[in-house]
Amino acid sequence: MAVYHLNGLNLPRSSEAQWEAGSPVNRGRLSKGDLVFFATSGGRKISHVGIYVGEDKFIHAPGRNKRIRFDSLSKRYFRRRYVGARTYL
């Protein structure tokens, strides 16, 4: 949300509301800046979001008091929890 806000776009605060606000994007058609969504708490409920940066990678904040980092969508943990992606541009 903060990155989009710094670039003049207002997104809802929660990851679930962000999911609802965006337009769906197929994983094979992701563009830099699209948001990728994950269900990290079990089930299919959206609970985590990252920003796609290209080449199958995204940037995200893994948790409170943890450093922002890059990860791969192909990493087993994220591959299993991937719900989908949305674009806002």
N, C-alpha and C. Protein backbone atom coordinates (compact mmCIF):
# COMPACT_ATOMS: atom_id res chain seq x y z
N MET A 1 0.82 -1.18 0.00
CA MET A 1 0.00 0.00 0.00
C MET A 1 0.87 1.25 0.00
N ALA A 2 1.92 1.26 0.83
CA ALA A 2 2.78 2.44 0.94
C ALA A 2 3.48 2.76 -0.37
N VAL A 3 3.98 1.75 -1.05
CA VAL A 3 4.68 1.97 -2.32
C VAL A 3 3.73 2.57 -3.36
N TYR A 4 2.54 2.04 -3.45
CA TYR A 4 1.56 2.59 -4.39
C TYR A 4 1.20 4.03 -4.00
N HIS A 5 1.01 4.27 -2.71
CA HIS A 5 0.65 5.61 -2.23
C HIS A 5 1.75 6.61 -2.58
N LEU A 6 3.00 6.23 -2.41
CA LEU A 6 4.12 7.12 -2.75
C LEU A 6 4.14 7.45 -4.24
N ASN A 7 3.48 6.62 -5.04
CA ASN A 7 3.43 6.85 -6.49
C ASN A 7 2.07 7.36 -6.94
N GLY A 8 1.29 7.91 -6.00
CA GLY A 8 0.05 8.58 -6.33
C GLY A 8 -1.18 7.71 -6.48
N LEU A 9 -1.10 6.44 -6.09
CA LEU A 9 -2.25 5.54 -6.18
C LEU A 9 -2.70 5.15 -4.78
N ASN A 10 -3.99 5.20 -4.55
CA ASN A 10 -4.52 4.84 -3.24
C ASN A 10 -5.12 3.45 -3.29
N LEU A 11 -4.56 2.55 -2.51
CA LEU A 11 -5.08 1.19 -2.38
C LEU A 11 -5.70 1.02 -1.01
N PRO A 12 -6.64 0.11 -0.90
CA PRO A 12 -7.17 -0.20 0.44
C PRO A 12 -6.05 -0.71 1.34
N ARG A 13 -6.26 -0.64 2.64
CA ARG A 13 -5.24 -1.03 3.60
C ARG A 13 -5.03 -2.53 3.70
N SER A 14 -6.11 -3.30 3.78
CA SER A 14 -5.97 -4.74 4.01
C SER A 14 -5.70 -5.51 2.72
N SER A 15 -5.01 -6.63 2.86
CA SER A 15 -4.70 -7.45 1.69
C SER A 15 -5.97 -7.99 1.05
N GLU A 16 -6.97 -8.32 1.84
CA GLU A 16 -8.24 -8.82 1.29
C GLU A 16 -8.93 -7.73 0.46
N ALA A 17 -8.94 -6.51 0.96
CA ALA A 17 -9.56 -5.40 0.22
C ALA A 17 -8.77 -5.08 -1.04
N GLN A 18 -7.44 -5.19 -0.98
CA GLN A 18 -6.61 -4.98 -2.16
C GLN A 18 -6.93 -6.02 -3.22
N TRP A 19 -7.13 -7.26 -2.79
CA TRP A 19 -7.49 -8.35 -3.70
C TRP A 19 -8.79 -8.00 -4.44
N GLU A 20 -9.76 -7.51 -3.70
CA GLU A 20 -11.06 -7.18 -4.28
C GLU A 20 -10.98 -5.98 -5.23
N ALA A 21 -10.08 -5.04 -4.96
CA ALA A 21 -10.00 -3.80 -5.73
C ALA A 21 -9.29 -3.96 -7.08
N GLY A 22 -8.42 -4.93 -7.20
CA GLY A 22 -7.61 -5.05 -8.41
C GLY A 22 -8.28 -5.86 -9.51
N SER A 23 -7.67 -5.80 -10.68
CA SER A 23 -8.11 -6.61 -11.82
C SER A 23 -7.24 -7.86 -11.88
N PRO A 24 -7.83 -9.04 -12.08
CA PRO A 24 -7.05 -10.29 -12.09
C PRO A 24 -5.99 -10.31 -13.19
N VAL A 25 -4.87 -10.95 -12.86
CA VAL A 25 -3.77 -11.14 -13.81
C VAL A 25 -3.33 -12.60 -13.73
N ASN A 26 -3.23 -13.27 -14.86
CA ASN A 26 -2.70 -14.64 -14.87
C ASN A 26 -1.23 -14.62 -14.50
N ARG A 27 -0.79 -15.64 -13.81
CA ARG A 27 0.60 -15.69 -13.34
C ARG A 27 1.60 -15.55 -14.51
N GLY A 28 1.29 -16.13 -15.63
CA GLY A 28 2.18 -16.05 -16.78
C GLY A 28 2.22 -14.68 -17.44
N ARG A 29 1.35 -13.77 -17.03
CA ARG A 29 1.28 -12.44 -17.63
C ARG A 29 1.57 -11.33 -16.62
N LEU A 30 2.22 -11.68 -15.51
CA LEU A 30 2.55 -10.70 -14.49
C LEU A 30 3.46 -9.61 -15.04
N SER A 31 3.24 -8.39 -14.59
CA SER A 31 4.09 -7.25 -14.93
C SER A 31 4.65 -6.66 -13.65
N LYS A 32 5.77 -5.99 -13.77
CA LYS A 32 6.36 -5.32 -12.62
C LYS A 32 5.32 -4.39 -12.01
N GLY A 33 5.18 -4.46 -10.69
CA GLY A 33 4.24 -3.61 -9.99
C GLY A 33 2.93 -4.28 -9.65
N ASP A 34 2.62 -5.40 -10.30
CA ASP A 34 1.41 -6.14 -9.94
C ASP A 34 1.57 -6.69 -8.53
N LEU A 35 0.46 -6.84 -7.83
CA LEU A 35 0.51 -7.42 -6.50
C LEU A 35 0.22 -8.91 -6.58
N VAL A 36 0.98 -9.69 -5.81
CA VAL A 36 0.79 -11.14 -5.74
C VAL A 36 0.29 -11.47 -4.34
N PHE A 37 -0.69 -12.38 -4.27
CA PHE A 37 -1.39 -12.65 -3.03
C PHE A 37 -1.22 -14.10 -2.61
N PHE A 38 -1.15 -14.28 -1.29
CA PHE A 38 -0.91 -15.60 -0.72
C PHE A 38 -1.85 -15.85 0.45
N ALA A 39 -2.14 -17.12 0.68
CA ALA A 39 -2.90 -17.57 1.85
C ALA A 39 -1.89 -18.27 2.75
N THR A 40 -1.34 -17.53 3.69
CA THR A 40 -0.27 -18.08 4.54
C THR A 40 -0.79 -18.57 5.89
N SER A 41 -2.07 -18.41 6.13
CA SER A 41 -2.64 -18.82 7.43
C SER A 41 -3.50 -20.07 7.31
N GLY A 42 -3.37 -20.78 6.22
CA GLY A 42 -4.20 -21.96 5.98
C GLY A 42 -5.45 -21.57 5.22
N GLY A 43 -6.01 -22.50 4.51
CA GLY A 43 -7.20 -22.22 3.71
C GLY A 43 -6.87 -21.37 2.50
N ARG A 44 -7.86 -20.65 2.01
CA ARG A 44 -7.68 -19.80 0.82
C ARG A 44 -7.83 -18.32 1.14
N LYS A 45 -7.93 -17.97 2.42
CA LYS A 45 -8.10 -16.58 2.81
C LYS A 45 -6.80 -15.81 2.58
N ILE A 46 -6.90 -14.69 1.88
CA ILE A 46 -5.74 -13.84 1.61
C ILE A 46 -5.17 -13.33 2.94
N SER A 47 -3.88 -13.53 3.13
CA SER A 47 -3.26 -13.07 4.38
C SER A 47 -1.88 -12.43 4.17
N HIS A 48 -1.39 -12.42 2.92
CA HIS A 48 -0.07 -11.86 2.65
C HIS A 48 -0.04 -11.36 1.22
N VAL A 49 0.72 -10.29 1.00
CA VAL A 49 0.81 -9.70 -0.34
C VAL A 49 2.23 -9.22 -0.59
N GLY A 50 2.64 -9.28 -1.85
CA GLY A 50 3.94 -8.78 -2.26
C GLY A 50 3.81 -8.05 -3.58
N ILE A 51 4.88 -7.38 -3.98
CA ILE A 51 4.91 -6.65 -5.25
C ILE A 51 5.81 -7.41 -6.22
N TYR A 52 5.26 -7.77 -7.37
CA TYR A 52 6.02 -8.48 -8.38
C TYR A 52 7.07 -7.54 -8.98
N VAL A 53 8.31 -8.05 -9.11
CA VAL A 53 9.41 -7.22 -9.63
C VAL A 53 10.00 -7.77 -10.93
N GLY A 54 9.45 -8.87 -11.43
CA GLY A 54 9.95 -9.46 -12.67
C GLY A 54 10.79 -10.70 -12.41
N GLU A 55 10.96 -11.49 -13.47
CA GLU A 55 11.79 -12.69 -13.42
C GLU A 55 11.38 -13.65 -12.30
N ASP A 56 10.08 -13.81 -12.08
CA ASP A 56 9.51 -14.73 -11.10
C ASP A 56 9.79 -14.33 -9.64
N LYS A 57 10.18 -13.07 -9.42
CA LYS A 57 10.51 -12.61 -8.07
C LYS A 57 9.53 -11.53 -7.60
N PHE A 58 9.39 -11.45 -6.29
CA PHE A 58 8.56 -10.40 -5.69
C PHE A 58 9.24 -9.91 -4.42
N ILE A 59 8.85 -8.72 -3.99
CA ILE A 59 9.38 -8.13 -2.77
C ILE A 59 8.24 -8.07 -1.76
N HIS A 60 8.57 -8.34 -0.50
CA HIS A 60 7.53 -8.36 0.52
C HIS A 60 8.14 -8.20 1.90
N ALA A 61 7.27 -7.88 2.85
CA ALA A 61 7.66 -7.81 4.26
C ALA A 61 7.20 -9.11 4.90
N PRO A 62 8.11 -10.03 5.23
CA PRO A 62 7.71 -11.35 5.72
C PRO A 62 7.05 -11.37 7.09
N GLY A 63 7.12 -10.29 7.84
CA GLY A 63 6.49 -10.26 9.15
C GLY A 63 6.98 -9.07 9.97
N ARG A 64 6.33 -8.83 11.07
CA ARG A 64 6.73 -7.72 11.94
C ARG A 64 8.18 -7.87 12.38
N ASN A 65 8.88 -6.76 12.37
CA ASN A 65 10.28 -6.69 12.80
C ASN A 65 11.21 -7.55 11.96
N LYS A 66 10.79 -7.90 10.75
CA LYS A 66 11.66 -8.63 9.82
C LYS A 66 11.95 -7.73 8.64
N ARG A 67 13.10 -7.93 8.04
CA ARG A 67 13.53 -7.10 6.91
C ARG A 67 12.73 -7.41 5.65
N ILE A 68 12.47 -6.37 4.88
CA ILE A 68 11.84 -6.53 3.58
C ILE A 68 12.81 -7.33 2.72
N ARG A 69 12.28 -8.27 1.92
CA ARG A 69 13.18 -9.12 1.13
C ARG A 69 12.54 -9.53 -0.19
N PHE A 70 13.38 -10.06 -1.05
CA PHE A 70 12.95 -10.62 -2.33
C PHE A 70 12.81 -12.13 -2.16
N ASP A 71 11.81 -12.70 -2.83
CA ASP A 71 11.63 -14.15 -2.86
C ASP A 71 11.15 -14.54 -4.25
N SER A 72 11.21 -15.82 -4.52
CA SER A 72 10.76 -16.36 -5.80
C SER A 72 9.36 -16.94 -5.67
N LEU A 73 8.53 -16.68 -6.66
CA LEU A 73 7.19 -17.29 -6.69
C LEU A 73 7.30 -18.80 -6.83
N SER A 74 8.41 -19.30 -7.33
CA SER A 74 8.61 -20.73 -7.52
C SER A 74 9.07 -21.44 -6.25
N LYS A 75 9.47 -20.67 -5.26
CA LYS A 75 9.88 -21.28 -3.99
C LYS A 75 8.71 -22.09 -3.45
N ARG A 76 8.98 -23.28 -2.99
CA ARG A 76 7.93 -24.21 -2.58
C ARG A 76 6.90 -23.58 -1.63
N TYR A 77 7.39 -22.87 -0.62
CA TYR A 77 6.49 -22.26 0.36
C TYR A 77 5.48 -21.34 -0.33
N PHE A 78 5.95 -20.46 -1.21
CA PHE A 78 5.06 -19.50 -1.86
C PHE A 78 4.25 -20.13 -2.98
N ARG A 79 4.82 -21.07 -3.67
CA ARG A 79 4.10 -21.77 -4.75
C ARG A 79 2.84 -22.44 -4.20
N ARG A 80 2.96 -23.06 -3.03
CA ARG A 80 1.83 -23.76 -2.42
C ARG A 80 0.77 -22.81 -1.86
N ARG A 81 1.15 -21.60 -1.53
CA ARG A 81 0.25 -20.66 -0.89
C ARG A 81 -0.25 -19.54 -1.83
N TYR A 82 0.25 -19.55 -3.06
CA TYR A 82 -0.13 -18.55 -4.05
C TYR A 82 -1.63 -18.64 -4.37
N VAL A 83 -2.31 -17.50 -4.29
CA VAL A 83 -3.74 -17.43 -4.60
C VAL A 83 -3.97 -16.77 -5.95
N GLY A 84 -3.18 -15.77 -6.27
CA GLY A 84 -3.35 -15.08 -7.54
C GLY A 84 -2.70 -13.72 -7.51
N ALA A 85 -2.96 -12.94 -8.55
CA ALA A 85 -2.35 -11.61 -8.68
C ALA A 85 -3.39 -10.62 -9.18
N ARG A 86 -3.11 -9.36 -8.91
CA ARG A 86 -3.99 -8.27 -9.33
C ARG A 86 -3.15 -7.12 -9.86
N THR A 87 -3.72 -6.39 -10.81
CA THR A 87 -3.08 -5.19 -11.32
C THR A 87 -3.97 -4.01 -10.98
N TYR A 88 -3.35 -2.85 -10.87
CA TYR A 88 -4.07 -1.62 -10.51
C TYR A 88 -3.75 -0.50 -11.47
N LEU A 89 -2.95 -0.77 -12.48
CA LEU A 89 -2.51 0.28 -13.41
C LEU A 89 -3.31 0.25 -14.69
